[in-house]
Amino acid sequence: MKKLLTTTWLIVGVVLLSCGQKTSLNYSIDLNDRSNDEFKVTLEVQGLSEGNNIYQFAATAPGTYQTMNIGRFVKSFRAFDKKGNEIATKKKGENQWVLTNPKKIAKIEYRVAETWDTPVEEMEMYKMCGTSMEDDHVLFNAHCVIGYPRGMQAEPLTIALAYPEKWKIGTALSKNDQGAYYAKNFDHAVDSPILLGRLSEASADFNGTKVELYTYSKTDKIKSADLLESMSAMLEAANKFVVNFPVDRYTFLFQFEDFNAGAWEHSYSSEYVYIEDDYAVDGGAKITSTAAHEFFHIITPLNIHSEIIQQFNFVTPTPSNHLWLYESTTEWASDMMQVRGGLITLEELLGQLRYKLRVDDYYFDSNYSLTKIAETSFTESGQKQYSNVYYKGAVIINLLDILLLEKSDGKRGMREVVNELSKKYGPEKAFPEDHFFDIFVEMTYPEVADFFAKYVKAAEPLPLEEYYAKVGIRYYPEKTEGEGDEAKVEKFVFEVDTTASEKQLAMRKAWTTNL
C-alpha cells in the first residue's frame, strides 16, 4: 500500500507510567507503512533472563473459542543486542520462537500479516477477532500483532503507533502522563481492540459512565451520532437492568464494510463488523439488539468469571464449562433488558424465543448439552455446535429465570442473582471453575441443582410447556393453523393465555417488568 508521509506518533520508550511503574515491554508499530498488508513490529525489551527464552504468539484469545495460531501469520522474526548485533532465533512449533541468548536481547523485530486478506487453508479466523489494514483505516487486535516473552504475560506494556495525522483512534485503552496508550498486561492489551482511520465519533454520559462510539463507514453512510441515538434507550434500560454500570467508560467500535462478520465483546469495549447500507431506523434497532448482548458482557465475564478466564492460557486453548454463563446468560439478558425496558413487546420476545427454538431444531445436534458445547468448543465438531449457546442456551436461561422467580414469589430471578454474583466476585476475583454450579445452587434453591443436571450438564428435552405456563404463556410444540386444504402445521408456537390466573399474571409481570 501507499506509504503516507504525514505521521502522528504515540511516543513510547522505557517510560515512567502514571502508576509509577517502568515497563519492560515497549512495542512500536508503524501504520504509515502499510505495504504488503503487514504490521511492522519492533519490541524494545529489557531485563530478559533464561526463563524468558521463548517468544510466544497467541494460539487463541478470550471470547473466541477458536484456535487461531497467530504464529502462522508471522514473518522475518529477528532479535538484536544493544549494539545492533543479531542474536539467533529459531521457530518452535506453530506459535513460538526460541531466543538463544535472551539476556543480551534489547530489541525484537518482525512482520505479521493482517488476517482479513491473508488466505489460510484451515482455521479461518473470525474477522471481528482479527486484523485489517486498508488505505483509510486499520483494525488492530493485540493478540494478532504482538506476543510476549515466556513468563511476561503479566508484565505492563506500552504500544507506540505511527499513523496518518488526520486519522482518529478509538479504543478503551487509556493514556499515561506522557500521552501514550498502555496496558497493565498482555491480557489487558488483548481485551482492548483499537480502530484507527477515517472515523466518526460520538459520546454521551449514562449515569456517570461515559459511552463512546467510533465508526468506520466505507462510503460514510453511517455515522456514530446516528448509532448513539438508536442505542440510547437500550443503554438506559441496561443501566437499570444491572443497577448502574460497573465501569466508568465504555467504547463501541463499528466497521461497516462489504460483508457481515459479527461482533466481539470485551470488558470495556465491543467491536462490530457489519455490511454497509443506508442508515435506517430498523437497521439501527438490529444493531442495538446485538449491542445489548455485547454490552452485557461488562457483567459476564468482566465481573463474573472463572479462574480459566482470569488466568487465560494463550499457549494452549483451554475451555471453561461455564460458557452457559458467559454467552447464554448474556443473550438472555440482552432480550430481557429490552422487554423490561419497553424497547420490545412481549409478543416480540415470544417471537424471538420461537426463532431460537427453530434454529436449534434445524441446525444443531440435540445431544449436545451446554457443557458439552463448552468442552468441545476448540474442536471441529464443537465449533459446529458452538453458536447454539445463543439459541437453545438463551432459552434454557429463560427457563432458569422463570424457576428462580417462581421459588422467590417473583422477587429474585436470574437478573437479581447475577447482580449478586457480580458484587460477590468482581473483575479481580475469579470463581472456582469446578465448584461454580454448587455455589450458584447454594445462593438459590435445591431445585436449581436438578435443573442444571438435566438442562445444562445434560441435554434432556426442555420443559417448555410446563415452565411457560407458570407465566401465563401457552406453548405448543406443534399446532395446526387453518382448516382443510389451508391447514398448516406450525412448530414452536407461543401464545399469551388470555385466561391466565391471578398467580400466572403476577408471575408474568415479574418476568417481564422486574427492574
Protein backbone atom coordinates (compact mmCIF):
# COMPACT_ATOMS: atom_id res chain seq x y z
CA MET A 1 0.00 0.00 0.00
CA LYS A 2 0.99 3.61 -0.47
CA LYS A 3 3.27 4.88 2.27
CA LEU A 4 1.97 8.12 3.77
CA LEU A 5 4.40 10.82 4.85
CA THR A 6 2.24 12.51 7.47
CA THR A 7 2.85 10.94 10.85
CA THR A 8 1.42 11.04 14.34
CA TRP A 9 3.49 9.16 16.93
CA LEU A 10 2.36 7.91 20.28
CA ILE A 11 5.93 8.20 21.53
CA VAL A 12 6.79 5.39 23.89
CA GLY A 13 10.19 4.31 25.12
CA VAL A 14 11.02 2.95 28.51
CA VAL A 15 8.73 5.48 30.16
CA LEU A 16 7.52 6.14 33.66
CA LEU A 17 3.83 5.26 33.74
CA SER A 18 1.28 7.27 35.62
CA CYS A 19 1.09 4.42 38.12
CA GLY A 20 4.79 4.87 38.87
CA GLN A 21 6.00 1.66 37.20
CA LYS A 22 8.50 1.22 34.40
CA THR A 23 7.58 -1.05 31.52
CA SER A 24 9.99 -3.66 30.25
CA LEU A 25 7.97 -4.39 27.10
CA ASN A 26 7.65 -1.47 24.67
CA TYR A 27 6.16 -2.12 21.25
CA SER A 28 6.12 0.24 18.29
CA ILE A 29 4.20 -0.31 15.06
CA ASP A 30 4.37 1.96 12.00
CA LEU A 31 0.90 2.13 10.47
CA ASN A 32 2.04 4.70 7.94
CA ASP A 33 3.94 1.87 6.27
CA ARG A 34 1.11 -0.49 5.39
CA SER A 35 2.95 -2.13 2.50
CA ASN A 36 2.16 -5.82 1.86
CA ASP A 37 -0.68 -5.63 4.39
CA GLU A 38 1.80 -6.28 7.18
CA PHE A 39 2.30 -4.86 10.66
CA LYS A 40 5.98 -3.99 11.16
CA VAL A 41 6.59 -4.55 14.85
CA THR A 42 9.56 -3.51 16.97
CA LEU A 43 9.76 -4.56 20.60
CA GLU A 44 12.26 -2.84 22.86
CA VAL A 45 12.80 -5.08 25.85
CA GLN A 46 15.00 -5.06 28.93
CA GLY A 47 15.99 -7.46 31.64
CA LEU A 48 15.23 -10.78 29.96
CA SER A 49 16.52 -13.91 31.70
CA GLU A 50 16.98 -17.51 30.65
CA GLY A 51 13.42 -18.13 31.78
CA ASN A 52 12.20 -15.74 29.08
CA ASN A 53 13.79 -17.73 26.25
CA ILE A 54 10.54 -18.31 24.29
CA TYR A 55 8.67 -15.57 22.45
CA GLN A 56 5.01 -16.57 22.44
CA PHE A 57 2.28 -15.65 19.95
CA ALA A 58 -1.35 -16.40 20.80
CA ALA A 59 -2.89 -19.75 19.95
CA THR A 60 -6.31 -18.36 20.86
CA ALA A 61 -7.92 -15.37 22.61
CA PRO A 62 -10.62 -14.90 25.27
CA GLY A 63 -14.18 -14.98 23.97
CA THR A 64 -13.28 -16.52 20.58
CA TYR A 65 -13.50 -20.23 21.47
CA GLN A 66 -11.40 -20.74 18.37
CA THR A 67 -7.86 -21.94 17.70
CA MET A 68 -6.10 -19.13 15.81
CA ASN A 69 -2.37 -19.91 15.79
CA ILE A 70 -1.20 -16.37 15.10
CA GLY A 71 2.34 -17.63 14.56
CA ARG A 72 1.40 -18.72 11.04
CA PHE A 73 0.99 -15.05 10.06
CA VAL A 74 4.44 -14.02 11.38
CA LYS A 75 7.37 -13.34 9.03
CA SER A 76 11.02 -12.34 9.38
CA PHE A 77 11.39 -12.77 13.15
CA ARG A 78 14.76 -11.37 14.35
CA ALA A 79 16.40 -10.36 17.66
CA PHE A 80 19.27 -7.91 18.36
CA ASP A 81 21.52 -6.81 21.22
CA LYS A 82 22.12 -3.19 22.29
CA LYS A 83 24.78 -2.73 19.61
CA GLY A 84 22.53 -3.97 16.82
CA ASN A 85 24.18 -7.38 16.50
CA GLU A 86 21.72 -10.11 15.56
CA ILE A 87 21.08 -12.89 18.07
CA ALA A 88 19.95 -16.21 16.69
CA THR A 89 16.31 -17.24 16.98
CA LYS A 90 14.57 -20.43 15.90
CA LYS A 91 10.91 -21.20 15.32
CA LYS A 92 9.47 -23.88 17.59
CA GLY A 93 6.04 -25.23 16.75
CA GLU A 94 3.32 -23.00 15.38
CA ASN A 95 3.40 -20.04 17.75
CA GLN A 96 6.81 -19.91 19.46
CA TRP A 97 10.30 -18.60 18.66
CA VAL A 98 13.29 -19.71 20.73
CA LEU A 99 15.54 -16.85 21.88
CA THR A 100 19.01 -18.41 22.09
CA ASN A 101 20.57 -15.76 24.33
CA PRO A 102 17.73 -13.79 25.95
CA LYS A 103 19.95 -11.93 28.45
CA LYS A 104 21.59 -9.98 25.63
CA ILE A 105 18.41 -9.15 23.71
CA ALA A 106 17.43 -5.48 23.60
CA LYS A 107 15.20 -5.47 20.53
CA ILE A 108 12.99 -7.88 18.59
CA GLU A 109 11.67 -7.12 15.11
CA TYR A 110 9.19 -8.99 12.97
CA ARG A 111 6.43 -8.56 10.42
CA VAL A 112 2.97 -10.07 10.84
CA ALA A 113 0.36 -10.22 8.07
CA GLU A 114 -3.14 -8.88 8.60
CA THR A 115 -5.65 -11.71 8.95
CA TRP A 116 -8.53 -10.41 6.82
CA ASP A 117 -6.75 -10.56 3.46
CA THR A 118 -4.28 -13.37 4.17
CA PRO A 119 -5.53 -16.70 2.76
CA VAL A 120 -5.27 -19.74 5.04
CA GLU A 121 -6.02 -23.38 4.27
CA GLU A 122 -7.63 -24.13 7.63
CA MET A 123 -8.79 -22.48 10.84
CA GLU A 124 -10.08 -19.36 9.13
CA MET A 125 -10.35 -16.66 11.77
CA TYR A 126 -13.44 -14.71 12.69
CA LYS A 127 -12.95 -11.32 11.09
CA MET A 128 -14.01 -9.27 14.10
CA CYS A 129 -11.29 -11.04 16.12
CA GLY A 130 -8.59 -10.41 13.52
CA THR A 131 -6.78 -7.51 11.86
CA SER A 132 -7.44 -5.40 8.79
CA MET A 133 -5.16 -2.89 7.10
CA GLU A 134 -6.51 -0.57 4.40
CA ASP A 135 -5.80 2.85 2.90
CA ASP A 136 -8.20 4.69 5.20
CA HIS A 137 -8.41 2.55 8.34
CA VAL A 138 -6.83 -0.22 10.42
CA LEU A 139 -8.35 -2.74 12.81
CA PHE A 140 -5.83 -3.72 15.49
CA ASN A 141 -6.43 -6.66 17.81
CA ALA A 142 -3.34 -7.05 20.01
CA HIS A 143 -3.25 -10.86 20.07
CA CYS A 144 -2.91 -10.81 16.26
CA VAL A 145 0.04 -8.40 16.29
CA ILE A 146 2.10 -8.64 19.46
CA GLY A 147 3.31 -11.53 21.58
CA TYR A 148 5.35 -11.72 24.78
CA PRO A 149 8.44 -13.48 26.17
CA ARG A 150 7.63 -16.52 28.27
CA GLY A 151 6.89 -15.55 31.86
CA MET A 152 5.96 -11.97 30.97
CA GLN A 153 2.25 -12.27 30.20
CA ALA A 154 1.51 -10.31 33.39
CA GLU A 155 4.06 -7.52 32.72
CA PRO A 156 2.82 -3.98 31.92
CA LEU A 157 3.49 -2.90 28.36
CA THR A 158 3.24 0.06 26.03
CA ILE A 159 2.37 0.25 22.35
CA ALA A 160 3.51 3.07 20.09
CA LEU A 161 1.52 3.51 16.91
CA ALA A 162 2.54 5.71 14.00
CA TYR A 163 -0.46 6.63 11.88
CA PRO A 164 -1.67 9.35 9.46
CA GLU A 165 -2.20 12.69 11.15
CA LYS A 166 -5.87 13.07 10.20
CA TRP A 167 -6.89 9.65 11.47
CA LYS A 168 -8.93 9.27 14.63
CA ILE A 169 -8.37 6.44 17.09
CA GLY A 170 -10.96 4.53 19.11
CA THR A 171 -10.03 2.24 21.99
CA ALA A 172 -10.81 1.58 25.63
CA LEU A 173 -7.11 1.86 26.46
CA SER A 174 -6.08 4.89 28.49
CA LYS A 175 -3.06 7.16 28.21
CA ASN A 176 -0.30 7.68 30.73
CA ASP A 177 1.09 11.07 31.72
CA GLN A 178 3.23 11.16 28.59
CA GLY A 179 0.20 10.78 26.33
CA ALA A 180 0.88 7.16 25.41
CA TYR A 181 -1.54 4.24 25.47
CA TYR A 182 -0.55 1.49 27.86
CA ALA A 183 -1.84 -1.84 29.14
CA LYS A 184 -1.30 -3.30 32.58
CA ASN A 185 -0.51 -6.70 30.98
CA PHE A 186 -0.88 -8.70 27.79
CA ASP A 187 -4.42 -9.77 28.70
CA HIS A 188 -5.43 -6.12 29.08
CA ALA A 189 -4.00 -5.29 25.66
CA VAL A 190 -5.89 -8.20 24.06
CA ASP A 191 -9.04 -7.05 25.85
CA SER A 192 -8.76 -3.64 24.19
CA PRO A 193 -9.11 -3.58 20.38
CA ILE A 194 -8.11 -0.44 18.51
CA LEU A 195 -9.84 1.02 15.48
CA LEU A 196 -8.00 3.78 13.63
CA GLY A 197 -8.75 5.73 10.48
CA ARG A 198 -11.36 7.90 8.86
CA LEU A 199 -13.81 7.57 11.73
CA SER A 200 -16.81 9.48 13.02
CA GLU A 201 -17.23 9.72 16.77
CA ALA A 202 -19.92 10.45 19.33
CA SER A 203 -20.24 10.17 23.10
CA ALA A 204 -22.73 10.54 25.91
CA ASP A 205 -22.92 10.17 29.68
CA PHE A 206 -25.18 7.49 31.15
CA ASN A 207 -25.47 7.99 34.90
CA GLY A 208 -21.75 8.60 35.32
CA THR A 209 -20.48 6.19 32.66
CA LYS A 210 -19.01 7.78 29.55
CA VAL A 211 -20.05 5.84 26.44
CA GLU A 212 -18.02 6.47 23.28
CA LEU A 213 -18.74 5.37 19.71
CA TYR A 214 -16.21 5.27 16.87
CA THR A 215 -17.43 4.27 13.42
CA TYR A 216 -15.76 3.47 10.13
CA SER A 217 -18.27 3.52 7.26
CA LYS A 218 -16.78 2.65 3.89
CA THR A 219 -18.75 5.31 2.00
CA ASP A 220 -19.77 7.42 5.02
CA LYS A 221 -23.38 6.28 5.03
CA ILE A 222 -23.46 5.59 8.76
CA LYS A 223 -22.37 8.00 11.48
CA SER A 224 -21.64 7.45 15.16
CA ALA A 225 -24.24 10.06 16.12
CA ASP A 226 -27.00 8.08 14.39
CA LEU A 227 -25.94 4.88 16.12
CA LEU A 228 -25.78 6.56 19.51
CA GLU A 229 -29.31 7.90 19.06
CA SER A 230 -30.54 4.38 18.22
CA MET A 231 -28.75 2.86 21.21
CA SER A 232 -29.61 5.41 23.88
CA ALA A 233 -32.83 3.76 25.07
CA MET A 234 -31.07 0.38 25.23
CA LEU A 235 -28.25 1.83 27.30
CA GLU A 236 -30.74 3.39 29.72
CA ALA A 237 -32.55 0.04 30.00
CA ALA A 238 -29.23 -1.76 30.52
CA ASN A 239 -28.29 0.66 33.27
CA LYS A 240 -31.48 -0.17 35.15
CA PHE A 241 -31.12 -3.89 34.47
CA VAL A 242 -27.63 -4.12 36.02
CA VAL A 243 -28.37 -1.42 38.65
CA ASN A 244 -25.74 1.06 37.39
CA PHE A 245 -22.86 0.18 35.10
CA PRO A 246 -19.77 -1.27 36.84
CA VAL A 247 -17.45 0.71 34.51
CA ASP A 248 -16.65 4.42 34.24
CA ARG A 249 -16.07 4.31 30.47
CA TYR A 250 -17.16 2.05 27.63
CA THR A 251 -16.22 2.15 23.93
CA PHE A 252 -18.16 0.83 20.92
CA LEU A 253 -16.14 0.24 17.73
CA PHE A 254 -18.11 -0.17 14.48
CA GLN A 255 -16.93 -1.10 11.00
CA PHE A 256 -19.33 -1.03 8.07
CA GLU A 257 -17.84 -2.94 5.15
CA ASP A 258 -18.95 -5.12 2.23
CA PHE A 259 -19.99 -8.03 4.46
CA ASN A 260 -21.37 -9.03 7.84
CA ALA A 261 -18.90 -10.66 10.22
CA GLY A 262 -20.47 -10.32 13.67
CA ALA A 263 -19.46 -8.79 16.98
CA TRP A 264 -16.92 -9.43 19.72
CA GLU A 265 -17.22 -8.48 23.37
CA HIS A 266 -14.57 -7.10 25.71
CA SER A 267 -14.60 -5.91 29.29
CA TYR A 268 -14.66 -2.20 28.48
CA SER A 269 -15.46 -2.17 24.77
CA SER A 270 -17.04 -4.17 21.96
CA GLU A 271 -16.33 -4.42 18.27
CA TYR A 272 -18.75 -4.88 15.35
CA VAL A 273 -18.31 -5.65 11.65
CA TYR A 274 -21.46 -5.18 9.54
CA ILE A 275 -22.33 -4.71 5.90
CA GLU A 276 -22.70 -1.05 4.96
CA ASP A 277 -26.12 0.14 3.83
CA ASP A 278 -28.12 3.33 4.00
CA TYR A 279 -28.86 4.08 7.63
CA ALA A 280 -32.42 3.26 8.65
CA VAL A 281 -34.24 3.10 11.97
CA ASP A 282 -34.93 -0.65 11.68
CA GLY A 283 -31.28 -1.26 10.88
CA GLY A 284 -30.34 0.73 13.94
CA ALA A 285 -32.70 -1.43 16.01
CA LYS A 286 -30.99 -4.61 14.83
CA ILE A 287 -27.58 -3.20 15.70
CA THR A 288 -28.94 -2.14 19.09
CA SER A 289 -30.12 -5.69 19.80
CA THR A 290 -26.65 -7.07 19.11
CA ALA A 291 -25.02 -4.26 21.07
CA ALA A 292 -27.26 -5.09 24.03
CA HIS A 293 -25.75 -8.58 24.09
CA GLU A 294 -22.14 -7.44 23.80
CA PHE A 295 -22.61 -4.63 26.30
CA PHE A 296 -23.93 -7.01 28.97
CA HIS A 297 -20.51 -8.68 28.96
CA ILE A 298 -19.50 -5.92 31.38
CA ILE A 299 -21.19 -8.31 33.87
CA THR A 300 -20.19 -11.68 32.41
CA PRO A 301 -17.32 -12.29 32.13
CA LEU A 302 -15.87 -8.96 33.37
CA ASN A 303 -17.35 -9.26 36.86
CA ILE A 304 -18.25 -12.96 36.94
CA HIS A 305 -15.66 -15.36 35.55
CA SER A 306 -13.74 -18.50 36.46
CA GLU A 307 -10.03 -18.99 37.06
CA ILE A 308 -9.67 -20.19 33.45
CA ILE A 309 -10.82 -16.80 32.16
CA GLN A 310 -8.86 -14.71 34.68
CA GLN A 311 -5.60 -16.61 34.10
CA PHE A 312 -6.10 -17.05 30.38
CA ASN A 313 -3.94 -19.60 28.60
CA PHE A 314 -2.79 -18.08 25.31
CA VAL A 315 -0.48 -21.06 24.68
CA THR A 316 -2.92 -23.96 24.90
CA PRO A 317 -6.66 -23.43 24.20
CA THR A 318 -8.44 -24.36 27.44
CA PRO A 319 -12.25 -24.30 27.61
CA SER A 320 -14.38 -23.29 30.58
CA ASN A 321 -17.51 -25.31 31.37
CA HIS A 322 -19.35 -22.08 32.10
CA LEU A 323 -19.91 -20.90 28.55
CA TRP A 324 -23.61 -21.00 29.53
CA LEU A 325 -22.91 -18.15 31.96
CA TYR A 326 -20.74 -16.04 29.65
CA GLU A 327 -22.76 -16.32 26.44
CA SER A 328 -26.19 -17.91 27.05
CA THR A 329 -26.91 -15.72 30.07
CA THR A 330 -25.73 -12.65 28.17
CA GLU A 331 -28.00 -13.44 25.22
CA TRP A 332 -30.92 -13.94 27.63
CA ALA A 333 -30.14 -10.63 29.31
CA SER A 334 -29.99 -8.75 26.01
CA ASP A 335 -33.59 -9.77 25.31
CA MET A 336 -34.95 -9.30 28.82
CA MET A 337 -33.39 -5.89 29.39
CA GLN A 338 -35.15 -4.76 26.21
CA VAL A 339 -38.58 -6.14 27.06
CA ARG A 340 -38.36 -4.89 30.65
CA GLY A 341 -37.15 -1.52 29.41
CA GLY A 342 -40.05 -1.20 26.96
CA LEU A 343 -37.91 -1.47 23.83
CA ILE A 344 -39.66 -4.62 22.59
CA THR A 345 -43.11 -6.05 23.31
CA LEU A 346 -43.97 -9.36 24.95
CA GLU A 347 -45.12 -10.65 21.56
CA GLU A 348 -41.75 -9.71 20.05
CA LEU A 349 -39.98 -11.52 22.87
CA LEU A 350 -42.07 -14.64 22.22
CA GLY A 351 -41.21 -14.34 18.54
CA GLN A 352 -37.51 -14.31 19.39
CA LEU A 353 -37.91 -17.38 21.61
CA ARG A 354 -39.68 -19.18 18.78
CA TYR A 355 -36.91 -18.22 16.35
CA LYS A 356 -34.25 -19.53 18.73
CA LEU A 357 -36.04 -22.87 19.05
CA ARG A 358 -36.43 -23.17 15.29
CA VAL A 359 -32.73 -22.51 14.73
CA ASP A 360 -31.85 -25.05 17.42
CA ASP A 361 -34.11 -27.67 15.83
CA TYR A 362 -32.88 -27.13 12.26
CA TYR A 363 -29.15 -26.59 12.63
CA PHE A 364 -27.87 -28.26 15.79
CA ASP A 365 -27.36 -31.67 17.36
CA SER A 366 -29.85 -32.16 20.19
CA ASN A 367 -27.39 -34.47 22.00
CA TYR A 368 -25.04 -31.59 22.76
CA SER A 369 -25.58 -30.10 26.21
CA LEU A 370 -24.32 -26.62 27.04
CA THR A 371 -21.38 -28.06 28.95
CA LYS A 372 -20.53 -30.41 26.08
CA ILE A 373 -20.52 -27.45 23.69
CA ALA A 374 -18.12 -25.70 26.07
CA GLU A 375 -15.86 -28.71 26.49
CA THR A 376 -15.58 -29.26 22.72
CA SER A 377 -15.56 -25.60 21.68
CA PHE A 378 -11.98 -25.72 20.37
CA THR A 379 -12.60 -28.85 18.27
CA GLU A 380 -14.00 -29.07 14.75
CA SER A 381 -17.13 -30.89 15.96
CA GLY A 382 -17.67 -28.45 18.83
CA GLN A 383 -17.31 -25.44 16.56
CA LYS A 384 -20.26 -26.70 14.52
CA GLN A 385 -22.41 -26.65 17.68
CA TYR A 386 -20.94 -23.59 19.34
CA SER A 387 -23.47 -20.99 18.11
CA ASN A 388 -26.30 -22.84 19.83
CA VAL A 389 -25.28 -21.19 23.10
CA TYR A 390 -27.08 -18.12 21.71
CA TYR A 391 -30.21 -20.05 20.71
CA LYS A 392 -31.08 -23.07 22.83
CA GLY A 393 -28.73 -21.76 25.52
CA ALA A 394 -30.63 -18.48 25.86
CA VAL A 395 -33.95 -20.36 26.09
CA ILE A 396 -32.53 -22.52 28.89
CA ILE A 397 -31.53 -19.43 30.87
CA ASN A 398 -35.01 -18.02 30.27
CA LEU A 399 -36.43 -21.15 31.90
CA LEU A 400 -33.98 -20.83 34.78
CA ASP A 401 -35.14 -17.24 35.28
CA ILE A 402 -38.75 -18.44 35.50
CA LEU A 403 -37.79 -21.14 38.01
CA LEU A 404 -35.96 -18.65 40.22
CA LEU A 405 -38.87 -16.19 40.08
CA GLU A 406 -41.33 -18.95 40.99
CA LYS A 407 -39.30 -20.07 44.01
CA SER A 408 -38.94 -16.47 45.25
CA ASP A 409 -42.55 -15.39 44.66
CA GLY A 410 -41.45 -13.17 41.79
CA LYS A 411 -38.83 -11.24 43.77
CA ARG A 412 -35.48 -12.77 42.79
CA GLY A 413 -34.90 -14.04 39.29
CA MET A 414 -31.79 -14.53 37.19
CA ARG A 415 -31.18 -10.79 36.99
CA GLU A 416 -31.01 -10.43 40.76
CA VAL A 417 -28.79 -13.50 41.22
CA VAL A 418 -26.39 -12.35 38.51
CA ASN A 419 -26.13 -8.89 40.07
CA GLU A 420 -25.41 -10.51 43.45
CA LEU A 421 -22.71 -12.66 41.87
CA SER A 422 -21.21 -9.55 40.28
CA LYS A 423 -20.82 -7.99 43.73
CA LYS A 424 -19.58 -11.24 45.29
CA TYR A 425 -16.75 -11.61 42.77
CA GLY A 426 -15.91 -8.66 40.51
CA PRO A 427 -13.12 -8.01 37.98
CA GLU A 428 -10.25 -9.11 40.22
CA LYS A 429 -11.80 -12.15 41.92
CA ALA A 430 -12.49 -15.33 39.95
CA PHE A 431 -14.88 -18.07 40.97
CA PRO A 432 -13.56 -21.67 41.17
CA GLU A 433 -14.16 -23.38 37.83
CA ASP A 434 -15.05 -26.77 39.33
CA HIS A 435 -17.42 -25.54 42.04
CA PHE A 436 -19.50 -22.79 40.47
CA PHE A 437 -22.61 -24.91 39.92
CA ASP A 438 -22.60 -25.71 43.66
CA ILE A 439 -22.05 -22.04 44.55
CA PHE A 440 -25.00 -21.00 42.37
CA VAL A 441 -27.27 -23.62 43.96
CA GLU A 442 -26.20 -22.57 47.48
CA MET A 443 -27.17 -18.98 46.62
CA THR A 444 -30.57 -20.05 45.26
CA TYR A 445 -32.61 -23.24 45.75
CA PRO A 446 -32.02 -27.03 45.80
CA GLU A 447 -34.28 -27.43 42.74
CA VAL A 448 -31.72 -25.48 40.67
CA ALA A 449 -29.25 -28.37 41.05
CA ASP A 450 -31.72 -30.66 39.30
CA PHE A 451 -32.26 -28.02 36.59
CA PHE A 452 -28.52 -27.77 35.95
CA ALA A 453 -28.17 -31.56 35.86
CA LYS A 454 -30.95 -32.01 33.30
CA TYR A 455 -30.70 -28.99 31.01
CA VAL A 456 -27.17 -27.54 31.30
CA LYS A 457 -24.95 -30.54 32.03
CA ALA A 458 -27.20 -32.96 30.15
CA ALA A 459 -29.40 -32.43 27.11
CA GLU A 460 -32.82 -33.62 28.28
CA PRO A 461 -35.89 -32.24 26.43
CA LEU A 462 -36.76 -28.81 27.77
CA PRO A 463 -39.94 -28.44 29.91
CA LEU A 464 -41.22 -25.57 27.76
CA GLU A 465 -44.95 -26.11 28.15
CA GLU A 466 -44.68 -26.54 31.94
CA TYR A 467 -42.45 -23.56 32.58
CA TYR A 468 -44.11 -21.02 30.29
CA ALA A 469 -47.49 -21.93 31.77
CA LYS A 470 -46.14 -20.53 35.04
CA VAL A 471 -46.10 -17.05 33.44
CA GLY A 472 -49.39 -17.41 31.59
CA ILE A 473 -47.95 -18.32 28.20
CA ARG A 474 -49.26 -21.29 26.22
CA TYR A 475 -46.60 -23.26 24.38
CA TYR A 476 -47.28 -25.80 21.61
CA PRO A 477 -44.52 -27.97 20.12
CA GLU A 478 -46.80 -28.20 17.07
CA LYS A 479 -50.09 -26.50 16.27
CA THR A 480 -52.32 -26.70 13.22
CA GLU A 481 -53.31 -23.32 11.86
CA GLY A 482 -56.27 -23.05 9.45
CA GLU A 483 -58.62 -25.74 8.17
CA GLY A 484 -58.93 -28.12 5.23
CA ASP A 485 -56.56 -27.51 2.35
CA GLU A 486 -55.40 -24.31 4.04
CA ALA A 487 -54.31 -26.14 7.20
CA LYS A 488 -50.66 -25.72 8.10
CA VAL A 489 -48.69 -27.22 10.94
CA GLU A 490 -46.63 -24.64 12.82
CA LYS A 491 -43.86 -25.58 15.25
CA PHE A 492 -42.76 -23.93 18.48
CA VAL A 493 -45.83 -21.73 18.93
CA PHE A 494 -46.14 -19.31 21.85
CA GLU A 495 -49.44 -17.63 22.73
CA VAL A 496 -50.38 -15.25 25.52
CA ASP A 497 -53.01 -17.00 27.68
CA THR A 498 -55.95 -14.59 27.92
CA THR A 499 -57.48 -16.75 30.66
CA ALA A 500 -54.39 -16.75 32.89
CA SER A 501 -55.00 -16.87 36.65
CA GLU A 502 -54.03 -14.08 39.02
CA LYS A 503 -50.99 -16.09 40.09
CA GLN A 504 -49.88 -16.55 36.48
CA LEU A 505 -50.42 -12.86 35.74
CA ALA A 506 -48.36 -11.89 38.79
CA MET A 507 -45.57 -14.17 37.61
CA ARG A 508 -45.78 -12.78 34.08
CA LYS A 509 -45.49 -9.27 35.45
CA ALA A 510 -42.39 -10.22 37.45
CA TRP A 511 -40.90 -11.98 34.40
CA THR A 512 -41.41 -9.06 32.02
CA THR A 513 -41.09 -5.97 34.24
CA ASN A 514 -38.70 -6.69 37.15
CA LEU A 515 -36.11 -3.89 37.30
